[in-house]
Each structure stands twice: as C-alpha cells, then as structure tokens.
Full PDB file with SEQRES, HELIX, SHEET, SSBOND, CRYST1, ORIGX, SCALE, CONECT and MASTER records, all heavy atoms in Angstrom:
SEQRES   1 A   43  GLN LEU ASP GLU ASN GLU SER ILE TYR SER GLU SER GLY          
SEQRES   2 A   43  LYS MET SER TRP MET THR GLN ASN ILE LYS MET GLU THR          
SEQRES   3 A   43  LYS SER ARG GLY LEU SER LYS MET VAL SER ARG ILE PHE          
SEQRES   4 A   43  THR GLY GLU THR                                              
HELIX    1 AA1 LEU A   31  THR A   40  1                                  10    
CRYST1    1.000    1.000    1.000  90.00  90.00  90.00 P 1           1          
ORIGX1      1.000000  0.000000  0.000000        0.00000                         
ORIGX2      0.000000  1.000000  0.000000        0.00000                         
ORIGX3      0.000000  0.000000  1.000000        0.00000                         
SCALE1      1.000000  0.000000  0.000000        0.00000                         
SCALE2      0.000000  1.000000  0.000000        0.00000                         
SCALE3      0.000000  0.000000  1.000000        0.00000                         
ATOM      1  N   GLN A   1       8.793   6.628 -10.363  1.00  0.00           N  
ATOM      2  CA  GLN A   1       9.493   7.830  -9.913  1.00  0.00           C  
ATOM      3  C   GLN A   1       8.477   8.820  -9.350  1.00  0.00           C  
ATOM      4  O   GLN A   1       7.542   9.234 -10.045  1.00  0.00           O  
ATOM      5  CB  GLN A   1      10.272   8.467 -11.066  1.00  0.00           C  
ATOM      6  CG  GLN A   1      11.075   9.691 -10.647  1.00  0.00           C  
ATOM      7  CD  GLN A   1      12.101  10.090 -11.692  1.00  0.00           C  
ATOM      8  OE1 GLN A   1      12.901   9.266 -12.130  1.00  0.00           O  
ATOM      9  NE2 GLN A   1      12.092  11.367 -12.096  1.00  0.00           N  
ATOM     10  N   LEU A   2       8.673   9.166  -8.082  1.00  0.00           N  
ATOM     11  CA  LEU A   2       7.753  10.058  -7.378  1.00  0.00           C  
ATOM     12  C   LEU A   2       8.444  11.376  -7.068  1.00  0.00           C  
ATOM     13  O   LEU A   2       9.534  11.390  -6.494  1.00  0.00           O  
ATOM     14  CB  LEU A   2       7.275   9.416  -6.075  1.00  0.00           C  
ATOM     15  CG  LEU A   2       6.568   8.055  -6.163  1.00  0.00           C  
ATOM     16  CD1 LEU A   2       6.315   7.503  -4.767  1.00  0.00           C  
ATOM     17  CD2 LEU A   2       5.252   8.175  -6.927  1.00  0.00           C  
ATOM     18  N   ASP A   3       7.800  12.477  -7.438  1.00  0.00           N  
ATOM     19  CA  ASP A   3       8.264  13.774  -6.979  1.00  0.00           C  
ATOM     20  C   ASP A   3       7.750  13.994  -5.563  1.00  0.00           C  
ATOM     21  O   ASP A   3       6.939  13.221  -5.042  1.00  0.00           O  
ATOM     22  CB  ASP A   3       7.773  14.883  -7.922  1.00  0.00           C  
ATOM     23  CG  ASP A   3       8.505  14.862  -9.259  1.00  0.00           C  
ATOM     24  OD1 ASP A   3       9.691  14.464  -9.260  1.00  0.00           O  
ATOM     25  OD2 ASP A   3       7.902  15.229 -10.281  1.00  0.00           O  
ATOM     26  N   GLU A   4       8.210  15.069  -4.937  1.00  0.00           N  
ATOM     27  CA  GLU A   4       7.863  15.319  -3.539  1.00  0.00           C  
ATOM     28  C   GLU A   4       6.349  15.355  -3.335  1.00  0.00           C  
ATOM     29  O   GLU A   4       5.609  15.988  -4.095  1.00  0.00           O  
ATOM     30  CB  GLU A   4       8.467  16.649  -3.089  1.00  0.00           C  
ATOM     31  CG  GLU A   4       8.387  16.874  -1.583  1.00  0.00           C  
ATOM     32  CD  GLU A   4       9.261  18.021  -1.124  1.00  0.00           C  
ATOM     33  OE1 GLU A   4      10.243  18.343  -1.822  1.00  0.00           O  
ATOM     34  OE2 GLU A   4       8.969  18.586  -0.059  1.00  0.00           O  
ATOM     35  N   ASN A   5       5.884  14.594  -2.336  1.00  0.00           N  
ATOM     36  CA  ASN A   5       4.475  14.476  -1.918  1.00  0.00           C  
ATOM     37  C   ASN A   5       3.628  13.626  -2.874  1.00  0.00           C  
ATOM     38  O   ASN A   5       2.434  13.461  -2.626  1.00  0.00           O  
ATOM     39  CB  ASN A   5       3.820  15.852  -1.746  1.00  0.00           C  
ATOM     40  CG  ASN A   5       4.445  16.634  -0.610  1.00  0.00           C  
ATOM     41  OD1 ASN A   5       4.828  16.071   0.413  1.00  0.00           O  
ATOM     42  ND2 ASN A   5       4.576  17.947  -0.790  1.00  0.00           N  
ATOM     43  N   GLU A   6       4.195  13.078  -3.924  1.00  0.00           N  
ATOM     44  CA  GLU A   6       3.447  12.147  -4.759  1.00  0.00           C  
ATOM     45  C   GLU A   6       3.437  10.777  -4.085  1.00  0.00           C  
ATOM     46  O   GLU A   6       4.405  10.376  -3.441  1.00  0.00           O  
ATOM     47  CB  GLU A   6       4.068  12.040  -6.151  1.00  0.00           C  
ATOM     48  CG  GLU A   6       3.822  13.265  -7.012  1.00  0.00           C  
ATOM     49  CD  GLU A   6       4.381  13.122  -8.415  1.00  0.00           C  
ATOM     50  OE1 GLU A   6       5.331  12.326  -8.605  1.00  0.00           O  
ATOM     51  OE2 GLU A   6       3.879  13.814  -9.321  1.00  0.00           O  
ATOM     52  N   SER A   7       2.315  10.034  -4.259  1.00  0.00           N  
ATOM     53  CA  SER A   7       2.133   8.760  -3.558  1.00  0.00           C  
ATOM     54  C   SER A   7       1.601   7.688  -4.494  1.00  0.00           C  
ATOM     55  O   SER A   7       0.979   7.968  -5.524  1.00  0.00           O  
ATOM     56  CB  SER A   7       1.165   8.925  -2.384  1.00  0.00           C  
ATOM     57  OG  SER A   7       1.657   9.811  -1.422  1.00  0.00           O  
ATOM     58  N   ILE A   8       1.836   6.455  -4.077  1.00  0.00           N  
ATOM     59  CA  ILE A   8       1.308   5.299  -4.774  1.00  0.00           C  
ATOM     60  C   ILE A   8       1.108   4.204  -3.740  1.00  0.00           C  
ATOM     61  O   ILE A   8       1.751   4.209  -2.688  1.00  0.00           O  
ATOM     62  CB  ILE A   8       2.270   4.842  -5.894  1.00  0.00           C  
ATOM     63  CG1 ILE A   8       1.562   3.904  -6.881  1.00  0.00           C  
ATOM     64  CG2 ILE A   8       3.531   4.195  -5.330  1.00  0.00           C  
ATOM     65  CD1 ILE A   8       2.336   3.715  -8.172  1.00  0.00           C  
ATOM     66  N   TYR A   9       0.172   3.269  -3.994  1.00  0.00           N  
ATOM     67  CA  TYR A   9      -0.041   2.178  -3.037  1.00  0.00           C  
ATOM     68  C   TYR A   9       0.013   0.834  -3.745  1.00  0.00           C  
ATOM     69  O   TYR A   9      -0.192   0.738  -4.953  1.00  0.00           O  
ATOM     70  CB  TYR A   9      -1.357   2.354  -2.269  1.00  0.00           C  
ATOM     71  CG  TYR A   9      -2.625   2.153  -3.077  1.00  0.00           C  
ATOM     72  CD1 TYR A   9      -3.236   0.900  -3.163  1.00  0.00           C  
ATOM     73  CD2 TYR A   9      -3.242   3.227  -3.723  1.00  0.00           C  
ATOM     74  CE1 TYR A   9      -4.406   0.717  -3.877  1.00  0.00           C  
ATOM     75  CE2 TYR A   9      -4.411   3.056  -4.441  1.00  0.00           C  
ATOM     76  CZ  TYR A   9      -4.991   1.801  -4.512  1.00  0.00           C  
ATOM     77  OH  TYR A   9      -6.150   1.621  -5.231  1.00  0.00           O  
ATOM     78  N   SER A  10       0.303  -0.211  -2.951  1.00  0.00           N  
ATOM     79  CA  SER A  10       0.423  -1.554  -3.504  1.00  0.00           C  
ATOM     80  C   SER A  10       0.005  -2.577  -2.468  1.00  0.00           C  
ATOM     81  O   SER A  10      -0.178  -2.256  -1.284  1.00  0.00           O  
ATOM     82  CB  SER A  10       1.869  -1.833  -3.939  1.00  0.00           C  
ATOM     83  OG  SER A  10       2.681  -2.059  -2.805  1.00  0.00           O  
ATOM     84  N   GLU A  11      -0.138  -3.827  -2.926  1.00  0.00           N  
ATOM     85  CA  GLU A  11      -0.341  -4.932  -2.003  1.00  0.00           C  
ATOM     86  C   GLU A  11       0.932  -5.142  -1.196  1.00  0.00           C  
ATOM     87  O   GLU A  11       2.029  -4.773  -1.620  1.00  0.00           O  
ATOM     88  CB  GLU A  11      -0.667  -6.217  -2.774  1.00  0.00           C  
ATOM     89  CG  GLU A  11      -1.979  -6.177  -3.529  1.00  0.00           C  
ATOM     90  CD  GLU A  11      -3.175  -6.388  -2.631  1.00  0.00           C  
ATOM     91  OE1 GLU A  11      -2.991  -6.476  -1.401  1.00  0.00           O  
ATOM     92  OE2 GLU A  11      -4.294  -6.463  -3.154  1.00  0.00           O  
ATOM     93  N   SER A  12       0.808  -5.755  -0.032  1.00  0.00           N  
ATOM     94  CA  SER A  12       1.984  -6.026   0.788  1.00  0.00           C  
ATOM     95  C   SER A  12       2.896  -7.022   0.082  1.00  0.00           C  
ATOM     96  O   SER A  12       2.440  -7.917  -0.635  1.00  0.00           O  
ATOM     97  CB  SER A  12       1.571  -6.579   2.150  1.00  0.00           C  
ATOM     98  OG  SER A  12       0.899  -7.808   1.999  1.00  0.00           O  
ATOM     99  N   GLY A  13       4.195  -6.837   0.277  1.00  0.00           N  
ATOM    100  CA  GLY A  13       5.174  -7.766  -0.285  1.00  0.00           C  
ATOM    101  C   GLY A  13       5.575  -7.490  -1.714  1.00  0.00           C  
ATOM    102  O   GLY A  13       6.341  -8.259  -2.302  1.00  0.00           O  
ATOM    103  N   LYS A  14       5.122  -6.385  -2.316  1.00  0.00           N  
ATOM    104  CA  LYS A  14       5.438  -6.104  -3.723  1.00  0.00           C  
ATOM    105  C   LYS A  14       6.649  -5.182  -3.881  1.00  0.00           C  
ATOM    106  O   LYS A  14       7.203  -5.084  -4.969  1.00  0.00           O  
ATOM    107  CB  LYS A  14       4.225  -5.473  -4.413  1.00  0.00           C  
ATOM    108  CG  LYS A  14       2.965  -6.321  -4.408  1.00  0.00           C  
ATOM    109  CD  LYS A  14       3.108  -7.537  -5.276  1.00  0.00           C  
ATOM    110  CE  LYS A  14       1.871  -8.423  -5.213  1.00  0.00           C  
ATOM    111  NZ  LYS A  14       0.716  -7.862  -5.883  1.00  0.00           N  
ATOM    112  N   MET A  15       7.054  -4.473  -2.828  1.00  0.00           N  
ATOM    113  CA  MET A  15       8.173  -3.543  -2.934  1.00  0.00           C  
ATOM    114  C   MET A  15       9.493  -4.302  -3.035  1.00  0.00           C  
ATOM    115  O   MET A  15       9.743  -5.228  -2.276  1.00  0.00           O  
ATOM    116  CB  MET A  15       8.196  -2.607  -1.718  1.00  0.00           C  
ATOM    117  CG  MET A  15       9.134  -1.409  -1.867  1.00  0.00           C  
ATOM    118  SD  MET A  15      10.892  -1.777  -1.588  1.00  0.00           S  
ATOM    119  CE  MET A  15      10.892  -2.181   0.166  1.00  0.00           C  
ATOM    120  N   SER A  16      10.358  -3.893  -3.986  1.00  0.00           N  
ATOM    121  CA  SER A  16      11.661  -4.532  -4.172  1.00  0.00           C  
ATOM    122  C   SER A  16      12.808  -3.646  -3.712  1.00  0.00           C  
ATOM    123  O   SER A  16      13.699  -4.096  -3.008  1.00  0.00           O  
ATOM    124  CB  SER A  16      11.857  -4.915  -5.637  1.00  0.00           C  
ATOM    125  OG  SER A  16      10.938  -5.919  -6.004  1.00  0.00           O  
ATOM    126  N   TRP A  17      12.831  -2.388  -4.134  1.00  0.00           N  
ATOM    127  CA  TRP A  17      13.834  -1.440  -3.635  1.00  0.00           C  
ATOM    128  C   TRP A  17      13.296  -0.023  -3.791  1.00  0.00           C  
ATOM    129  O   TRP A  17      12.412   0.241  -4.606  1.00  0.00           O  
ATOM    130  CB  TRP A  17      15.179  -1.597  -4.347  1.00  0.00           C  
ATOM    131  CG  TRP A  17      15.188  -1.365  -5.829  1.00  0.00           C  
ATOM    132  CD1 TRP A  17      15.300  -0.175  -6.486  1.00  0.00           C  
ATOM    133  CD2 TRP A  17      15.116  -2.368  -6.848  1.00  0.00           C  
ATOM    134  NE1 TRP A  17      15.295  -0.348  -7.839  1.00  0.00           N  
ATOM    135  CE2 TRP A  17      15.201  -1.692  -8.097  1.00  0.00           C  
ATOM    136  CE3 TRP A  17      15.023  -3.759  -6.843  1.00  0.00           C  
ATOM    137  CZ2 TRP A  17      15.157  -2.362  -9.313  1.00  0.00           C  
ATOM    138  CZ3 TRP A  17      14.982  -4.424  -8.056  1.00  0.00           C  
ATOM    139  CH2 TRP A  17      15.043  -3.736  -9.265  1.00  0.00           C  
ATOM    140  N   MET A  18      13.861   0.889  -2.978  1.00  0.00           N  
ATOM    141  CA  MET A  18      13.427   2.284  -3.033  1.00  0.00           C  
ATOM    142  C   MET A  18      14.519   3.176  -2.451  1.00  0.00           C  
ATOM    143  O   MET A  18      15.410   2.711  -1.725  1.00  0.00           O  
ATOM    144  CB  MET A  18      12.116   2.477  -2.257  1.00  0.00           C  
ATOM    145  CG  MET A  18      12.179   2.148  -0.790  1.00  0.00           C  
ATOM    146  SD  MET A  18      10.546   2.309   0.000  1.00  0.00           S  
ATOM    147  CE  MET A  18      10.934   1.857   1.698  1.00  0.00           C  
ATOM    148  N   THR A  19      14.432   4.455  -2.760  1.00  0.00           N  
ATOM    149  CA  THR A  19      15.395   5.415  -2.234  1.00  0.00           C  
ATOM    150  C   THR A  19      15.004   5.817  -0.811  1.00  0.00           C  
ATOM    151  O   THR A  19      13.870   5.601  -0.373  1.00  0.00           O  
ATOM    152  CB  THR A  19      15.474   6.657  -3.139  1.00  0.00           C  
ATOM    153  OG1 THR A  19      14.148   7.170  -3.355  1.00  0.00           O  
ATOM    154  CG2 THR A  19      16.107   6.320  -4.477  1.00  0.00           C  
ATOM    155  N   GLN A  20      15.973   6.434  -0.112  1.00  0.00           N  
ATOM    156  CA  GLN A  20      15.790   6.752   1.306  1.00  0.00           C  
ATOM    157  C   GLN A  20      14.640   7.723   1.561  1.00  0.00           C  
ATOM    158  O   GLN A  20      14.039   7.706   2.641  1.00  0.00           O  
ATOM    159  CB  GLN A  20      17.083   7.358   1.871  1.00  0.00           C  
ATOM    160  CG  GLN A  20      18.193   6.345   2.120  1.00  0.00           C  
ATOM    161  CD  GLN A  20      18.030   5.620   3.440  1.00  0.00           C  
ATOM    162  OE1 GLN A  20      17.003   5.714   4.091  1.00  0.00           O  
ATOM    163  NE2 GLN A  20      19.061   4.898   3.841  1.00  0.00           N  
ATOM    164  N   ASN A  21      14.336   8.573   0.597  1.00  0.00           N  
ATOM    165  CA  ASN A  21      13.303   9.584   0.832  1.00  0.00           C  
ATOM    166  C   ASN A  21      11.883   9.077   0.593  1.00  0.00           C  
ATOM    167  O   ASN A  21      10.921   9.834   0.732  1.00  0.00           O  
ATOM    168  CB  ASN A  21      13.561  10.824  -0.034  1.00  0.00           C  
ATOM    169  CG  ASN A  21      13.572  10.502  -1.518  1.00  0.00           C  
ATOM    170  OD1 ASN A  21      13.864   9.379  -1.921  1.00  0.00           O  
ATOM    171  ND2 ASN A  21      13.261  11.498  -2.335  1.00  0.00           N  
ATOM    172  N   ILE A  22      11.733   7.812   0.227  1.00  0.00           N  
ATOM    173  CA  ILE A  22      10.399   7.219   0.084  1.00  0.00           C  
ATOM    174  C   ILE A  22       9.968   6.659   1.440  1.00  0.00           C  
ATOM    175  O   ILE A  22      10.656   5.824   2.022  1.00  0.00           O  
ATOM    176  CB  ILE A  22      10.396   6.094  -0.972  1.00  0.00           C  
ATOM    177  CG1 ILE A  22      10.846   6.625  -2.333  1.00  0.00           C  
ATOM    178  CG2 ILE A  22       9.011   5.468  -1.062  1.00  0.00           C  
ATOM    179  CD1 ILE A  22       9.916   7.624  -2.963  1.00  0.00           C  
ATOM    180  N   LYS A  23       8.842   7.131   1.920  1.00  0.00           N  
ATOM    181  CA  LYS A  23       8.317   6.711   3.215  1.00  0.00           C  
ATOM    182  C   LYS A  23       7.131   5.776   3.016  1.00  0.00           C  
ATOM    183  O   LYS A  23       6.226   6.066   2.232  1.00  0.00           O  
ATOM    184  CB  LYS A  23       7.904   7.915   4.065  1.00  0.00           C  
ATOM    185  CG  LYS A  23       9.025   8.933   4.276  1.00  0.00           C  
ATOM    186  CD  LYS A  23      10.242   8.301   4.944  1.00  0.00           C  
ATOM    187  CE  LYS A  23      11.369   9.305   5.132  1.00  0.00           C  
ATOM    188  NZ  LYS A  23      12.602   8.687   5.666  1.00  0.00           N  
ATOM    189  N   MET A  24       7.156   4.668   3.743  1.00  0.00           N  
ATOM    190  CA  MET A  24       6.082   3.685   3.650  1.00  0.00           C  
ATOM    191  C   MET A  24       5.157   3.785   4.854  1.00  0.00           C  
ATOM    192  O   MET A  24       5.609   3.937   5.986  1.00  0.00           O  
ATOM    193  CB  MET A  24       6.652   2.265   3.578  1.00  0.00           C  
ATOM    194  CG  MET A  24       5.592   1.194   3.354  1.00  0.00           C  
ATOM    195  SD  MET A  24       6.252  -0.494   3.419  1.00  0.00           S  
ATOM    196  CE  MET A  24       6.177  -0.803   5.182  1.00  0.00           C  
ATOM    197  N   GLU A  25       3.847   3.701   4.594  1.00  0.00           N  
ATOM    198  CA  GLU A  25       2.845   3.680   5.664  1.00  0.00           C  
ATOM    199  C   GLU A  25       1.827   2.599   5.339  1.00  0.00           C  
ATOM    200  O   GLU A  25       1.220   2.600   4.265  1.00  0.00           O  
ATOM    201  CB  GLU A  25       2.156   5.032   5.797  1.00  0.00           C  
ATOM    202  CG  GLU A  25       1.173   5.086   6.961  1.00  0.00           C  
ATOM    203  CD  GLU A  25       0.494   6.435   7.099  1.00  0.00           C  
ATOM    204  OE1 GLU A  25       0.747   7.320   6.257  1.00  0.00           O  
ATOM    205  OE2 GLU A  25      -0.297   6.597   8.048  1.00  0.00           O  
ATOM    206  N   THR A  26       1.655   1.679   6.260  1.00  0.00           N  
ATOM    207  CA  THR A  26       0.686   0.603   6.088  1.00  0.00           C  
ATOM    208  C   THR A  26      -0.673   1.065   6.600  1.00  0.00           C  
ATOM    209  O   THR A  26      -0.806   1.510   7.733  1.00  0.00           O  
ATOM    210  CB  THR A  26       1.132  -0.656   6.839  1.00  0.00           C  
ATOM    211  OG1 THR A  26       2.415  -1.058   6.359  1.00  0.00           O  
ATOM    212  CG2 THR A  26       0.149  -1.796   6.635  1.00  0.00           C  
ATOM    213  N   LYS A  27      -1.692   0.951   5.753  1.00  0.00           N  
ATOM    214  CA  LYS A  27      -3.020   1.433   6.107  1.00  0.00           C  
ATOM    215  C   LYS A  27      -4.060   0.361   5.807  1.00  0.00           C  
ATOM    216  O   LYS A  27      -3.878  -0.476   4.927  1.00  0.00           O  
ATOM    217  CB  LYS A  27      -3.378   2.695   5.306  1.00  0.00           C  
ATOM    218  CG  LYS A  27      -2.467   3.891   5.529  1.00  0.00           C  
ATOM    219  CD  LYS A  27      -2.938   5.054   4.674  1.00  0.00           C  
ATOM    220  CE  LYS A  27      -2.057   6.281   4.835  1.00  0.00           C  
ATOM    221  NZ  LYS A  27      -2.519   7.401   3.976  1.00  0.00           N  
ATOM    222  N   SER A  28      -5.155   0.435   6.559  1.00  0.00           N  
ATOM    223  CA  SER A  28      -6.322  -0.380   6.217  1.00  0.00           C  
ATOM    224  C   SER A  28      -7.150   0.405   5.210  1.00  0.00           C  
ATOM    225  O   SER A  28      -6.981   1.615   5.046  1.00  0.00           O  
ATOM    226  CB  SER A  28      -7.154  -0.687   7.460  1.00  0.00           C  
ATOM    227  OG  SER A  28      -7.797   0.487   7.928  1.00  0.00           O  
ATOM    228  N   ARG A  29      -8.064  -0.266   4.548  1.00  0.00           N  
ATOM    229  CA  ARG A  29      -8.889   0.389   3.536  1.00  0.00           C  
ATOM    230  C   ARG A  29     -10.282   0.702   4.064  1.00  0.00           C  
ATOM    231  O   ARG A  29     -11.218   0.924   3.298  1.00  0.00           O  
ATOM    232  CB  ARG A  29      -8.994  -0.505   2.303  1.00  0.00           C  
ATOM    233  CG  ARG A  29      -7.677  -0.847   1.657  1.00  0.00           C  
ATOM    234  CD  ARG A  29      -7.111   0.308   0.878  1.00  0.00           C  
ATOM    235  NE  ARG A  29      -7.858   0.521  -0.353  1.00  0.00           N  
ATOM    236  CZ  ARG A  29      -7.722   1.562  -1.155  1.00  0.00           C  
ATOM    237  NH1 ARG A  29      -6.881   2.517  -0.815  1.00  0.00           N  
ATOM    238  NH2 ARG A  29      -8.411   1.676  -2.259  1.00  0.00           N  
ATOM    239  N   GLY A  30     -10.426   0.759   5.406  1.00  0.00           N  
ATOM    240  CA  GLY A  30     -11.748   0.960   5.969  1.00  0.00           C  
ATOM    241  C   GLY A  30     -12.432  -0.376   6.189  1.00  0.00           C  
ATOM    242  O   GLY A  30     -12.075  -1.389   5.588  1.00  0.00           O  
ATOM    243  N   LEU A  31     -13.441  -0.388   7.056  1.00  0.00           N  
ATOM    244  CA  LEU A  31     -14.092  -1.639   7.448  1.00  0.00           C  
ATOM    245  C   LEU A  31     -14.689  -2.362   6.254  1.00  0.00           C  
ATOM    246  O   LEU A  31     -14.490  -3.568   6.077  1.00  0.00           O  
ATOM    247  CB  LEU A  31     -15.169  -1.365   8.489  1.00  0.00           C  
ATOM    248  CG  LEU A  31     -15.914  -2.604   9.019  1.00  0.00           C  
ATOM    249  CD1 LEU A  31     -14.934  -3.572   9.667  1.00  0.00           C  
ATOM    250  CD2 LEU A  31     -16.998  -2.192  10.004  1.00  0.00           C  
ATOM    251  N   SER A  32     -15.423  -1.629   5.388  1.00  0.00           N  
ATOM    252  CA  SER A  32     -16.080  -2.287   4.258  1.00  0.00           C  
ATOM    253  C   SER A  32     -15.047  -2.862   3.294  1.00  0.00           C  
ATOM    254  O   SER A  32     -15.212  -3.964   2.768  1.00  0.00           O  
ATOM    255  CB  SER A  32     -16.994  -1.302   3.525  1.00  0.00           C  
ATOM    256  OG  SER A  32     -16.238  -0.202   3.027  1.00  0.00           O  
ATOM    257  N   LYS A  33     -13.954  -2.114   3.052  1.00  0.00           N  
ATOM    258  CA  LYS A  33     -12.914  -2.602   2.146  1.00  0.00           C  
ATOM    259  C   LYS A  33     -12.163  -3.786   2.768  1.00  0.00           C  
ATOM    260  O   LYS A  33     -11.747  -4.695   2.057  1.00  0.00           O  
ATOM    261  CB  LYS A  33     -11.935  -1.474   1.829  1.00  0.00           C  
ATOM    262  CG  LYS A  33     -12.554  -0.334   1.030  1.00  0.00           C  
ATOM    263  CD  LYS A  33     -12.851  -0.782  -0.385  1.00  0.00           C  
ATOM    264  CE  LYS A  33     -13.482   0.337  -1.204  1.00  0.00           C  
ATOM    265  NZ  LYS A  33     -12.546   1.440  -1.430  1.00  0.00           N  
ATOM    266  N   MET A  34     -11.992  -3.779   4.094  1.00  0.00           N  
ATOM    267  CA  MET A  34     -11.320  -4.897   4.743  1.00  0.00           C  
ATOM    268  C   MET A  34     -12.136  -6.175   4.590  1.00  0.00           C  
ATOM    269  O   MET A  34     -11.600  -7.248   4.342  1.00  0.00           O  
ATOM    270  CB  MET A  34     -11.072  -4.589   6.220  1.00  0.00           C  
ATOM    271  CG  MET A  34     -10.001  -3.538   6.458  1.00  0.00           C  
ATOM    272  SD  MET A  34      -9.717  -3.189   8.198  1.00  0.00           S  
ATOM    273  CE  MET A  34      -8.931  -4.722   8.727  1.00  0.00           C  
ATOM    274  N   VAL A  35     -13.467  -6.046   4.720  1.00  0.00           N  
ATOM    275  CA  VAL A  35     -14.338  -7.207   4.548  1.00  0.00           C  
ATOM    276  C   VAL A  35     -14.218  -7.727   3.115  1.00  0.00           C  
ATOM    277  O   VAL A  35     -14.125  -8.939   2.875  1.00  0.00           O  
ATOM    278  CB  VAL A  35     -15.797  -6.842   4.879  1.00  0.00           C  
ATOM    279  CG1 VAL A  35     -16.728  -7.990   4.502  1.00  0.00           C  
ATOM    280  CG2 VAL A  35     -15.930  -6.512   6.363  1.00  0.00           C  
ATOM    281  N   SER A  36     -14.222  -6.800   2.151  1.00  0.00           N  
ATOM    282  CA  SER A  36     -14.119  -7.218   0.749  1.00  0.00           C  
ATOM    283  C   SER A  36     -12.792  -7.904   0.470  1.00  0.00           C  
ATOM    284  O   SER A  36     -12.718  -8.839  -0.325  1.00  0.00           O  
ATOM    285  CB  SER A  36     -14.296  -6.010  -0.181  1.00  0.00           C  
ATOM    286  OG  SER A  36     -13.194  -5.125  -0.073  1.00  0.00           O  
ATOM    287  N   ARG A  37     -11.726  -7.472   1.135  1.00  0.00           N  
ATOM    288  CA  ARG A  37     -10.415  -8.072   0.913  1.00  0.00           C  
ATOM    289  C   ARG A  37     -10.358  -9.480   1.505  1.00  0.00           C  
ATOM    290  O   ARG A  37      -9.612 -10.332   1.014  1.00  0.00           O  
ATOM    291  CB  ARG A  37      -9.320  -7.174   1.485  1.00  0.00           C  
ATOM    292  CG  ARG A  37      -9.174  -5.871   0.729  1.00  0.00           C  
ATOM    293  CD  ARG A  37      -8.135  -4.972   1.363  1.00  0.00           C  
ATOM    294  NE  ARG A  37      -6.784  -5.482   1.144  1.00  0.00           N  
ATOM    295  CZ  ARG A  37      -6.124  -5.356   0.009  1.00  0.00           C  
ATOM    296  NH1 ARG A  37      -6.680  -4.758  -1.028  1.00  0.00           N  
ATOM    297  NH2 ARG A  37      -4.900  -5.831  -0.119  1.00  0.00           N  
ATOM    298  N   ILE A  38     -11.139  -9.726   2.557  1.00  0.00           N  
ATOM    299  CA  ILE A  38     -11.231 -11.082   3.097  1.00  0.00           C  
ATOM    300  C   ILE A  38     -11.846 -12.003   2.048  1.00  0.00           C  
ATOM    301  O   ILE A  38     -11.386 -13.119   1.820  1.00  0.00           O  
ATOM    302  CB  ILE A  38     -12.064 -11.092   4.393  1.00  0.00           C  
ATOM    303  CG1 ILE A  38     -11.304 -10.359   5.513  1.00  0.00           C  
ATOM    304  CG2 ILE A  38     -12.378 -12.523   4.820  1.00  0.00           C  
ATOM    305  CD1 ILE A  38     -12.106 -10.179   6.784  1.00  0.00           C  
ATOM    306  N   PHE A  39     -12.889 -11.529   1.369  1.00  0.00           N  
ATOM    307  CA  PHE A  39     -13.548 -12.330   0.355  1.00  0.00           C  
ATOM    308  C   PHE A  39     -12.655 -12.595  -0.846  1.00  0.00           C  
ATOM    309  O   PHE A  39     -12.749 -13.643  -1.477  1.00  0.00           O  
ATOM    310  CB  PHE A  39     -14.845 -11.642  -0.119  1.00  0.00           C  
ATOM    311  CG  PHE A  39     -16.022 -11.912   0.777  1.00  0.00           C  
ATOM    312  CD1 PHE A  39     -16.449 -10.957   1.681  1.00  0.00           C  
ATOM    313  CD2 PHE A  39     -16.686 -13.114   0.726  1.00  0.00           C  
ATOM    314  CE1 PHE A  39     -17.528 -11.198   2.509  1.00  0.00           C  
ATOM    315  CE2 PHE A  39     -17.771 -13.375   1.545  1.00  0.00           C  
ATOM    316  CZ  PHE A  39     -18.190 -12.412   2.441  1.00  0.00           C  
ATOM    317  N   THR A  40     -11.798 -11.632  -1.202  1.00  0.00           N  
ATOM    318  CA  THR A  40     -10.926 -11.824  -2.361  1.00  0.00           C  
ATOM    319  C   THR A  40      -9.655 -12.566  -2.011  1.00  0.00           C  
ATOM    320  O   THR A  40      -8.848 -12.873  -2.892  1.00  0.00           O  
ATOM    321  CB  THR A  40     -10.546 -10.469  -2.989  1.00  0.00           C  
ATOM    322  OG1 THR A  40      -9.913  -9.649  -2.003  1.00  0.00           O  
ATOM    323  CG2 THR A  40     -11.767  -9.765  -3.542  1.00  0.00           C  
ATOM    324  N   GLY A  41      -9.420 -12.844  -0.716  1.00  0.00           N  
ATOM    325  CA  GLY A  41      -8.234 -13.569  -0.317  1.00  0.00           C  
ATOM    326  C   GLY A  41      -6.982 -12.723  -0.274  1.00  0.00           C  
ATOM    327  O   GLY A  41      -5.879 -13.258  -0.167  1.00  0.00           O  
ATOM    328  N   GLU A  42      -7.121 -11.390  -0.364  1.00  0.00           N  
ATOM    329  CA  GLU A  42      -5.966 -10.508  -0.325  1.00  0.00           C  
ATOM    330  C   GLU A  42      -5.654 -10.130   1.121  1.00  0.00           C  
ATOM    331  O   GLU A  42      -6.431 -10.367   2.039  1.00  0.00           O  
ATOM    332  CB  GLU A  42      -6.230  -9.241  -1.156  1.00  0.00           C  
ATOM    333  CG  GLU A  42      -6.642  -9.511  -2.597  1.00  0.00           C  
ATOM    334  CD  GLU A  42      -5.541 -10.164  -3.394  1.00  0.00           C  
ATOM    335  OE1 GLU A  42      -4.354 -10.005  -3.039  1.00  0.00           O  
ATOM    336  OE2 GLU A  42      -5.858 -10.833  -4.402  1.00  0.00           O  
ATOM    337  N   THR A  43      -4.493  -9.500   1.335  1.00  0.00           N  
ATOM    338  CA  THR A  43      -4.121  -9.045   2.668  1.00  0.00           C  
ATOM    339  C   THR A  43      -5.059  -7.921   3.104  1.00  0.00           C  
ATOM    340  O   THR A  43      -5.615  -7.193   2.272  1.00  0.00           O  
ATOM    341  CB  THR A  43      -2.668  -8.543   2.683  1.00  0.00           C  
ATOM    342  OG1 THR A  43      -2.525  -7.521   1.693  1.00  0.00           O  
ATOM    343  CG2 THR A  43      -1.707  -9.673   2.368  1.00  0.00           C  
TER     344      THR A  43                                                      
MASTER        0    0    0    1    0    0    0    6  343    1    0    4          
END                                                                             
C-alpha cells in the first residue's frame, strides 16, 4: 500500500494487480548496474 508519491521497485514480470493511481515506469539501473545484471542473469 503506497500513499501519494511513495514508490517501490521490482524485477520485471512480478506485478500481479494494482489500482489505477499506481504509475509504472521502467528504468535502467545505470551502465555499471546493467553490466552487473547481465552477470546475474537478471533483466
């Protein structure tokens, strides 16, 4: 449960349902984090 302007992040494909006022934004984690995610096999 998120109040206004509160945020949380997850791996892709984990969201099941949400209310209309929840806005999703897909972001990269920066170049170094993207490289690390390649090594861990994550998206």
